[in-house]
């Protein structure tokens, strides 16, 4: 019998917590689930106790010091399937039950190493990462061009390449990507 997976669900929405626990219990046995209504109730310990963490992108971004080292086993529960941020560990909840169950099974069956960051042809270049950091910080294209001593057209080309490589078109999605990949901290973002 396979070892039970220890799962922490850190979601402020009680209905999502209960529903996710029910789906995991019914379709992804064996699991041991702990529910937390907030990050404060979670009380992360120094020891990495859980195999997987389900939370919101907002909680993950606000507590990057906790979740960034655990990003390969932190699953973000999002409401909009169209904005899945092109990350492997995202669970969109506005899809069918069958799709959610299949996604849960896939996530739980994969080893943590399979989600480790590996270099591919879609990896951002150093300059694209620099442009992404400035975009996420709230800078406009002209200011980015001035700061990096490049033309406005070059900035636009970098932004086009970034969205093409990542499959992310929105600033919130790019922000989430940058934070979860350690390109920027939540403290560096202008609100």
C-alpha atoms as a PDB file:
ATOM      1  CA  UNK A   1       0.000   0.000   0.000  1.00  0.00           C
ATOM      2  CA  UNK A   2       1.455   3.397  -0.984  1.00  0.00           C
ATOM      3  CA  UNK A   3       2.367   5.866   1.751  1.00  0.00           C
ATOM      4  CA  UNK A   4      -0.267   8.411   2.628  1.00  0.00           C
ATOM      5  CA  UNK A   5       0.349  11.904   1.216  1.00  0.00           C
ATOM      6  CA  UNK A   6       0.190  14.655   3.827  1.00  0.00           C
ATOM      7  CA  UNK A   7      -1.673  17.658   2.440  1.00  0.00           C
ATOM      8  CA  UNK A   8      -2.200  21.140   3.877  1.00  0.00           C
ATOM      9  CA  UNK A   9      -5.131  23.112   2.479  1.00  0.00           C
ATOM     10  CA  UNK A  10      -4.727  26.809   3.304  1.00  0.00           C
ATOM     11  CA  UNK A  11      -7.787  28.501   1.827  1.00  0.00           C
ATOM     12  CA  UNK A  12      -9.930  31.280   3.328  1.00  0.00           C
ATOM     13  CA  UNK A  13     -13.001  30.021   1.428  1.00  0.00           C
ATOM     14  CA  UNK A  14     -14.592  27.323   3.614  1.00  0.00           C
ATOM     15  CA  UNK A  15     -16.527  25.857   0.697  1.00  0.00           C
ATOM     16  CA  UNK A  16     -13.354  25.449  -1.373  1.00  0.00           C
ATOM     17  CA  UNK A  17     -11.599  23.847   1.614  1.00  0.00           C
ATOM     18  CA  UNK A  18     -14.381  21.348   2.193  1.00  0.00           C
ATOM     19  CA  UNK A  19     -14.857  20.609  -1.506  1.00  0.00           C
ATOM     20  CA  UNK A  20     -11.138  20.102  -2.125  1.00  0.00           C
ATOM     21  CA  UNK A  21     -10.855  17.860   0.939  1.00  0.00           C
ATOM     22  CA  UNK A  22     -13.814  15.824  -0.296  1.00  0.00           C
ATOM     23  CA  UNK A  23     -12.354  15.392  -3.802  1.00  0.00           C
ATOM     24  CA  UNK A  24      -8.925  14.455  -2.456  1.00  0.00           C
ATOM     25  CA  UNK A  25     -10.409  11.984   0.025  1.00  0.00           C
ATOM     26  CA  UNK A  26     -12.783  10.406  -2.513  1.00  0.00           C
ATOM     27  CA  UNK A  27     -10.485  10.225  -5.544  1.00  0.00           C
ATOM     28  CA  UNK A  28      -6.859  10.461  -4.441  1.00  0.00           C
ATOM     29  CA  UNK A  29      -6.401   7.955  -1.597  1.00  0.00           C
ATOM     30  CA  UNK A  30      -4.407   7.583   0.558  1.00  0.00           C
ATOM     31  CA  UNK A  31      -4.207  11.148   1.885  1.00  0.00           C
ATOM     32  CA  UNK A  32      -4.012  12.866   5.272  1.00  0.00           C
ATOM     33  CA  UNK A  33      -5.493  16.354   5.052  1.00  0.00           C
ATOM     34  CA  UNK A  34      -5.158  19.329   7.385  1.00  0.00           C
ATOM     35  CA  UNK A  35      -7.406  22.357   6.794  1.00  0.00           C
ATOM     36  CA  UNK A  36      -6.388  25.937   7.610  1.00  0.00           C
ATOM     37  CA  UNK A  37      -8.647  28.964   7.070  1.00  0.00           C
ATOM     38  CA  UNK A  38      -5.715  31.395   6.963  1.00  0.00           C
ATOM     39  CA  UNK A  39      -1.947  31.503   6.812  1.00  0.00           C
ATOM     40  CA  UNK A  40      -1.926  32.539  10.476  1.00  0.00           C
ATOM     41  CA  UNK A  41      -3.767  29.360  11.412  1.00  0.00           C
ATOM     42  CA  UNK A  42      -1.283  27.332   9.376  1.00  0.00           C
ATOM     43  CA  UNK A  43       1.783  28.123  11.511  1.00  0.00           C
ATOM     44  CA  UNK A  44       4.464  26.735   9.209  1.00  0.00           C
ATOM     45  CA  UNK A  45       7.162  24.939  11.085  1.00  0.00           C
ATOM     46  CA  UNK A  46      10.855  24.868  10.301  1.00  0.00           C
ATOM     47  CA  UNK A  47      10.459  21.232   9.334  1.00  0.00           C
ATOM     48  CA  UNK A  48       8.797  20.574   5.995  1.00  0.00           C
ATOM     49  CA  UNK A  49       5.956  18.393   7.268  1.00  0.00           C
ATOM     50  CA  UNK A  50       3.536  18.300   4.314  1.00  0.00           C
ATOM     51  CA  UNK A  51       3.953  16.660   0.917  1.00  0.00           C
ATOM     52  CA  UNK A  52       1.693  19.231  -0.787  1.00  0.00           C
ATOM     53  CA  UNK A  53       0.272  22.668   0.023  1.00  0.00           C
ATOM     54  CA  UNK A  54      -2.927  23.988  -1.597  1.00  0.00           C
ATOM     55  CA  UNK A  55      -3.414  27.742  -1.262  1.00  0.00           C
ATOM     56  CA  UNK A  56      -4.370  30.888  -3.162  1.00  0.00           C
ATOM     57  CA  UNK A  57      -1.949  32.908  -5.284  1.00  0.00           C
ATOM     58  CA  UNK A  58      -2.544  35.831  -2.916  1.00  0.00           C
ATOM     59  CA  UNK A  59      -1.464  33.852   0.154  1.00  0.00           C
ATOM     60  CA  UNK A  60       1.506  32.456  -1.721  1.00  0.00           C
ATOM     61  CA  UNK A  61       2.633  35.922  -2.821  1.00  0.00           C
ATOM     62  CA  UNK A  62       2.165  37.430   0.644  1.00  0.00           C
ATOM     63  CA  UNK A  63       4.175  34.619   2.245  1.00  0.00           C
ATOM     64  CA  UNK A  64       6.871  33.932  -0.337  1.00  0.00           C
ATOM     65  CA  UNK A  65       9.399  33.296   2.428  1.00  0.00           C
ATOM     66  CA  UNK A  66       7.398  30.177   3.327  1.00  0.00           C
ATOM     67  CA  UNK A  67       6.187  29.014  -0.082  1.00  0.00           C
ATOM     68  CA  UNK A  68       9.063  29.893  -2.403  1.00  0.00           C
ATOM     69  CA  UNK A  69      11.282  27.087  -1.038  1.00  0.00           C
ATOM     70  CA  UNK A  70       8.236  24.776  -1.352  1.00  0.00           C
ATOM     71  CA  UNK A  71       7.131  25.985  -4.787  1.00  0.00           C
ATOM     72  CA  UNK A  72       7.568  22.536  -6.321  1.00  0.00           C
ATOM     73  CA  UNK A  73       4.843  21.209  -4.070  1.00  0.00           C
ATOM     74  CA  UNK A  74       2.616  24.254  -3.609  1.00  0.00           C
ATOM     75  CA  UNK A  75      -0.550  24.182  -5.686  1.00  0.00           C
ATOM     76  CA  UNK A  76      -2.349  27.474  -6.281  1.00  0.00           C
ATOM     77  CA  UNK A  77      -6.115  27.244  -6.385  1.00  0.00           C
ATOM     78  CA  UNK A  78      -7.392  29.749  -8.961  1.00  0.00           C
ATOM     79  CA  UNK A  79     -10.919  30.644  -9.991  1.00  0.00           C
ATOM     80  CA  UNK A  80     -10.236  31.346 -13.641  1.00  0.00           C
ATOM     81  CA  UNK A  81      -8.974  28.434 -15.727  1.00  0.00           C
ATOM     82  CA  UNK A  82      -8.023  30.841 -18.514  1.00  0.00           C
ATOM     83  CA  UNK A  83      -5.503  32.525 -16.254  1.00  0.00           C
ATOM     84  CA  UNK A  84      -3.615  29.474 -15.037  1.00  0.00           C
ATOM     85  CA  UNK A  85      -0.325  31.422 -15.212  1.00  0.00           C
ATOM     86  CA  UNK A  86       1.312  28.703 -17.293  1.00  0.00           C
ATOM     87  CA  UNK A  87       2.563  26.913 -14.199  1.00  0.00           C
ATOM     88  CA  UNK A  88       2.361  23.174 -13.619  1.00  0.00           C
ATOM     89  CA  UNK A  89       1.028  23.445 -10.088  1.00  0.00           C
ATOM     90  CA  UNK A  90      -2.166  25.416 -10.578  1.00  0.00           C
ATOM     91  CA  UNK A  91      -5.634  24.025  -9.896  1.00  0.00           C
ATOM     92  CA  UNK A  92      -8.419  25.931 -11.662  1.00  0.00           C
ATOM     93  CA  UNK A  93     -11.692  25.382  -9.816  1.00  0.00           C
ATOM     94  CA  UNK A  94     -14.155  26.675 -12.403  1.00  0.00           C
ATOM     95  CA  UNK A  95     -13.866  23.545 -14.546  1.00  0.00           C
ATOM     96  CA  UNK A  96     -15.734  20.258 -14.439  1.00  0.00           C
ATOM     97  CA  UNK A  97     -15.355  17.817 -11.560  1.00  0.00           C
ATOM     98  CA  UNK A  98     -13.733  15.298 -13.896  1.00  0.00           C
ATOM     99  CA  UNK A  99     -11.097  17.827 -14.988  1.00  0.00           C
ATOM    100  CA  UNK A 100     -10.358  18.833 -11.380  1.00  0.00           C
ATOM    101  CA  UNK A 101     -10.037  15.196 -10.277  1.00  0.00           C
ATOM    102  CA  UNK A 102      -7.755  14.397 -13.229  1.00  0.00           C
ATOM    103  CA  UNK A 103      -5.599  17.440 -12.417  1.00  0.00           C
ATOM    104  CA  UNK A 104      -5.401  16.429  -8.745  1.00  0.00           C
ATOM    105  CA  UNK A 105      -4.380  12.887  -9.629  1.00  0.00           C
ATOM    106  CA  UNK A 106      -1.720  14.150 -12.024  1.00  0.00           C
ATOM    107  CA  UNK A 107      -0.302  16.562  -9.453  1.00  0.00           C
ATOM    108  CA  UNK A 108      -0.240  14.010  -6.637  1.00  0.00           C
ATOM    109  CA  UNK A 109       1.254  11.225  -8.764  1.00  0.00           C
ATOM    110  CA  UNK A 110       4.141  13.325 -10.063  1.00  0.00           C
ATOM    111  CA  UNK A 111       7.281  13.457  -8.013  1.00  0.00           C
ATOM    112  CA  UNK A 112       8.431  16.832  -6.745  1.00  0.00           C
ATOM    113  CA  UNK A 113      11.483  16.598  -8.976  1.00  0.00           C
ATOM    114  CA  UNK A 114       9.373  16.514 -12.119  1.00  0.00           C
ATOM    115  CA  UNK A 115       8.333  20.099 -11.447  1.00  0.00           C
ATOM    116  CA  UNK A 116      11.844  21.314 -10.746  1.00  0.00           C
ATOM    117  CA  UNK A 117      12.903  24.228 -12.854  1.00  0.00           C
ATOM    118  CA  UNK A 118      14.848  22.978 -15.846  1.00  0.00           C
ATOM    119  CA  UNK A 119      16.356  24.898 -18.725  1.00  0.00           C
ATOM    120  CA  UNK A 120      14.369  24.606 -21.933  1.00  0.00           C
ATOM    121  CA  UNK A 121      14.171  26.501 -25.182  1.00  0.00           C
ATOM    122  CA  UNK A 122      11.308  28.466 -23.628  1.00  0.00           C
ATOM    123  CA  UNK A 123      13.430  29.770 -20.768  1.00  0.00           C
ATOM    124  CA  UNK A 124      13.701  33.519 -20.560  1.00  0.00           C
ATOM    125  CA  UNK A 125      17.019  35.156 -21.418  1.00  0.00           C
ATOM    126  CA  UNK A 126      18.779  37.305 -18.829  1.00  0.00           C
ATOM    127  CA  UNK A 127      17.571  40.474 -20.575  1.00  0.00           C
ATOM    128  CA  UNK A 128      13.981  39.169 -20.762  1.00  0.00           C
ATOM    129  CA  UNK A 129      14.100  38.444 -17.026  1.00  0.00           C
ATOM    130  CA  UNK A 130      15.345  41.976 -16.434  1.00  0.00           C
ATOM    131  CA  UNK A 131      12.511  43.428 -18.535  1.00  0.00           C
ATOM    132  CA  UNK A 132      10.002  41.179 -16.742  1.00  0.00           C
ATOM    133  CA  UNK A 133      11.218  42.398 -13.337  1.00  0.00           C
ATOM    134  CA  UNK A 134      10.739  46.015 -14.410  1.00  0.00           C
ATOM    135  CA  UNK A 135       7.290  45.336 -15.897  1.00  0.00           C
ATOM    136  CA  UNK A 136       6.214  43.650 -12.672  1.00  0.00           C
ATOM    137  CA  UNK A 137       7.561  46.595 -10.671  1.00  0.00           C
ATOM    138  CA  UNK A 138       5.065  48.762 -12.559  1.00  0.00           C
ATOM    139  CA  UNK A 139       7.348  50.534 -15.014  1.00  0.00           C
ATOM    140  CA  UNK A 140       6.015  51.577 -18.416  1.00  0.00           C
ATOM    141  CA  UNK A 141       7.768  50.622 -21.651  1.00  0.00           C
ATOM    142  CA  UNK A 142       9.414  54.031 -22.193  1.00  0.00           C
ATOM    143  CA  UNK A 143      10.872  54.025 -18.656  1.00  0.00           C
ATOM    144  CA  UNK A 144      12.147  50.471 -19.130  1.00  0.00           C
ATOM    145  CA  UNK A 145      13.856  51.497 -22.371  1.00  0.00           C
ATOM    146  CA  UNK A 146      15.492  54.485 -20.670  1.00  0.00           C
ATOM    147  CA  UNK A 147      16.613  52.492 -17.653  1.00  0.00           C
ATOM    148  CA  UNK A 148      18.137  49.674 -19.738  1.00  0.00           C
ATOM    149  CA  UNK A 149      19.525  51.980 -22.463  1.00  0.00           C
ATOM    150  CA  UNK A 150      17.613  50.156 -25.200  1.00  0.00           C
ATOM    151  CA  UNK A 151      15.047  51.295 -27.747  1.00  0.00           C
ATOM    152  CA  UNK A 152      11.313  51.215 -27.150  1.00  0.00           C
ATOM    153  CA  UNK A 153      10.998  48.671 -29.987  1.00  0.00           C
ATOM    154  CA  UNK A 154      13.484  46.390 -28.216  1.00  0.00           C
ATOM    155  CA  UNK A 155      11.407  46.565 -25.025  1.00  0.00           C
ATOM    156  CA  UNK A 156       8.285  45.692 -27.001  1.00  0.00           C
ATOM    157  CA  UNK A 157      10.094  42.768 -28.639  1.00  0.00           C
ATOM    158  CA  UNK A 158      11.244  41.484 -25.241  1.00  0.00           C
ATOM    159  CA  UNK A 159       7.705  41.748 -23.859  1.00  0.00           C
ATOM    160  CA  UNK A 160       6.328  39.903 -26.883  1.00  0.00           C
ATOM    161  CA  UNK A 161       8.929  37.146 -26.417  1.00  0.00           C
ATOM    162  CA  UNK A 162       8.158  36.899 -22.695  1.00  0.00           C
ATOM    163  CA  UNK A 163       4.417  36.443 -23.244  1.00  0.00           C
ATOM    164  CA  UNK A 164       5.048  34.021 -26.087  1.00  0.00           C
ATOM    165  CA  UNK A 165       7.495  31.859 -24.120  1.00  0.00           C
ATOM    166  CA  UNK A 166       5.448  31.817 -20.914  1.00  0.00           C
ATOM    167  CA  UNK A 167       1.961  31.848 -22.384  1.00  0.00           C
ATOM    168  CA  UNK A 168       1.057  34.577 -19.889  1.00  0.00           C
ATOM    169  CA  UNK A 169      -0.556  37.779 -21.135  1.00  0.00           C
ATOM    170  CA  UNK A 170      -1.652  39.600 -17.996  1.00  0.00           C
ATOM    171  CA  UNK A 171       0.357  41.643 -15.512  1.00  0.00           C
ATOM    172  CA  UNK A 172      -1.035  39.657 -12.539  1.00  0.00           C
ATOM    173  CA  UNK A 173      -0.020  36.428 -14.267  1.00  0.00           C
ATOM    174  CA  UNK A 174       3.458  37.758 -15.022  1.00  0.00           C
ATOM    175  CA  UNK A 175       3.756  39.000 -11.445  1.00  0.00           C
ATOM    176  CA  UNK A 176       2.813  35.603 -10.085  1.00  0.00           C
ATOM    177  CA  UNK A 177       5.317  33.917 -12.392  1.00  0.00           C
ATOM    178  CA  UNK A 178       8.102  36.317 -11.387  1.00  0.00           C
ATOM    179  CA  UNK A 179       7.481  35.830  -7.669  1.00  0.00           C
ATOM    180  CA  UNK A 180       7.152  32.049  -7.798  1.00  0.00           C
ATOM    181  CA  UNK A 181      10.337  31.783  -9.829  1.00  0.00           C
ATOM    182  CA  UNK A 182      12.330  34.025  -7.512  1.00  0.00           C
ATOM    183  CA  UNK A 183      12.804  36.826 -10.040  1.00  0.00           C
ATOM    184  CA  UNK A 184      11.299  39.412  -7.699  1.00  0.00           C
ATOM    185  CA  UNK A 185       9.993  39.587  -4.137  1.00  0.00           C
ATOM    186  CA  UNK A 186       6.554  40.816  -3.175  1.00  0.00           C
ATOM    187  CA  UNK A 187       8.225  43.759  -1.351  1.00  0.00           C
ATOM    188  CA  UNK A 188       9.610  45.083  -4.658  1.00  0.00           C
ATOM    189  CA  UNK A 189       6.179  45.431  -6.275  1.00  0.00           C
ATOM    190  CA  UNK A 190       4.458  48.812  -6.279  1.00  0.00           C
ATOM    191  CA  UNK A 191       0.837  48.596  -5.196  1.00  0.00           C
END
